[in-house]
Protein backbone atom coordinates (compact mmCIF):
# COMPACT_ATOMS: atom_id res chain seq x y z
CA MET A 1 -78.40 -87.07 -32.55
CA PRO A 2 -81.60 -85.42 -34.21
CA PRO A 3 -82.47 -82.12 -33.10
CA PRO A 4 -85.09 -81.22 -30.81
CA PRO A 5 -88.51 -80.85 -32.07
CA ASP A 6 -89.76 -77.22 -32.96
CA LYS A 7 -91.24 -75.60 -30.16
CA TRP A 8 -93.17 -72.16 -30.95
CA ILE A 9 -95.37 -69.79 -28.91
CA VAL A 10 -97.41 -66.75 -28.76
CA LEU A 11 -96.63 -63.48 -26.60
CA VAL A 12 -99.62 -61.10 -26.04
CA GLU A 13 -97.90 -57.68 -24.69
CA GLU A 14 -100.33 -55.39 -23.23
CA SER A 15 -100.25 -51.95 -22.53
CA SER A 16 -101.00 -51.21 -18.80
CA GLY A 17 -102.03 -47.90 -19.42
CA GLY A 18 -99.43 -44.31 -18.12
CA TYR A 19 -96.96 -45.49 -16.08
CA ARG A 20 -97.36 -48.80 -15.21
CA GLY A 21 -95.98 -49.78 -18.55
CA ARG A 22 -96.52 -52.70 -20.46
CA ARG A 23 -97.22 -57.02 -19.12
CA ILE A 24 -97.48 -60.42 -20.95
CA ASP A 25 -100.39 -62.50 -20.71
CA ASN A 26 -99.08 -65.44 -19.60
CA SER A 27 -102.23 -67.60 -20.00
CA THR A 28 -100.81 -67.73 -23.64
CA LEU A 29 -97.63 -69.36 -22.81
CA GLU A 30 -99.76 -72.10 -21.75
CA HIS A 31 -99.83 -73.49 -25.77
CA VAL A 32 -97.13 -74.62 -27.44
CA TYR A 33 -96.91 -75.03 -31.26
CA PRO A 34 -95.50 -77.57 -33.27
CA SER A 35 -94.86 -75.19 -36.45
CA ARG A 36 -94.00 -71.84 -36.74
CA ASP A 37 -97.24 -71.98 -39.41
CA MET A 38 -99.73 -73.02 -36.40
CA ALA A 39 -97.93 -70.71 -34.46
CA ARG A 40 -98.43 -67.32 -36.82
CA GLN A 41 -102.41 -69.27 -37.06
CA ALA A 42 -102.80 -68.85 -33.86
CA ALA A 43 -101.34 -65.53 -33.59
CA PHE A 44 -103.39 -64.19 -36.07
CA ASP A 45 -106.71 -65.13 -34.51
CA ILE A 46 -105.71 -64.17 -30.97
CA ALA A 47 -105.04 -60.70 -32.93
CA GLN A 48 -108.67 -60.37 -33.88
CA ASP A 49 -110.15 -61.85 -30.52
CA HIS A 50 -108.35 -61.26 -27.70
CA GLN A 51 -110.14 -59.39 -25.27
CA PRO A 52 -106.88 -57.23 -23.28
CA ARG A 53 -107.23 -56.19 -19.71
CA HIS A 54 -107.95 -52.77 -21.01
CA PRO A 55 -110.40 -51.18 -21.74
CA SER A 56 -113.45 -53.02 -20.66
CA ILE A 57 -115.50 -52.44 -23.20
CA VAL A 58 -113.93 -52.23 -27.25
CA ARG A 59 -115.91 -50.64 -29.33
CA GLN A 60 -113.15 -50.73 -32.36
CA ARG A 61 -110.20 -52.90 -33.34
CA THR A 62 -107.54 -52.37 -35.47
CA VAL A 63 -105.32 -55.03 -36.95
CA ILE A 64 -101.82 -54.26 -38.15
CA ARG A 65 -99.56 -56.88 -39.46
CA ARG A 66 -96.38 -55.58 -38.91
CA SER A 67 -94.42 -58.97 -40.29
CA PRO A 68 -95.36 -62.55 -40.28
CA ASP A 69 -94.96 -63.27 -36.71
CA GLU A 70 -95.91 -59.72 -35.23
CA TYR A 71 -99.23 -57.91 -34.88
CA THR A 72 -100.09 -54.58 -33.29
CA VAL A 73 -103.71 -54.00 -32.42
CA LEU A 74 -105.28 -50.40 -31.15
CA VAL A 75 -108.19 -51.14 -29.19
CA GLU A 76 -110.53 -47.91 -29.24
CA GLY A 77 -112.44 -47.71 -25.93
CA LEU A 78 -115.52 -45.79 -24.63
CA LEU A 79 -112.66 -43.47 -23.57
CA GLU A 80 -109.10 -44.42 -24.36
CA THR A 81 -107.28 -45.88 -26.99
CA HIS A 82 -105.14 -48.75 -25.86
CA HIS A 83 -102.76 -51.30 -27.69
CA TYR A 84 -101.49 -54.97 -27.10
CA GLU A 85 -98.53 -57.21 -29.53
CA VAL A 86 -98.86 -59.91 -30.57
CA SER A 87 -95.39 -62.01 -31.57
CA VAL A 88 -95.02 -65.71 -32.48
CA GLY A 89 -91.37 -67.26 -30.58
CA GLU A 90 -89.58 -69.98 -30.32
CA LEU A 91 -89.05 -71.59 -27.27
CA VAL A 92 -85.59 -72.45 -27.04
CA SER A 93 -85.56 -73.80 -23.24
């Protein structure tokens, strides 16, 4: 029996500010990629373009590649700096 086809996703986890912790942006879970390389390209694009909930107005964005599968993005708003994480994961079930 052949192995199941690869299924890769991109997760975006945003800081919610203060005591509220973090949240996962479920809209990115709607896209499944057939290869890790395609998911990695999508993660790079999302790190560059994602519009987080906070701050509402982005003044500056700094993208840091932590590994080929992970980015941390610092987003400076008018009053505060927030961040979000973008990562590639294999969908196993």
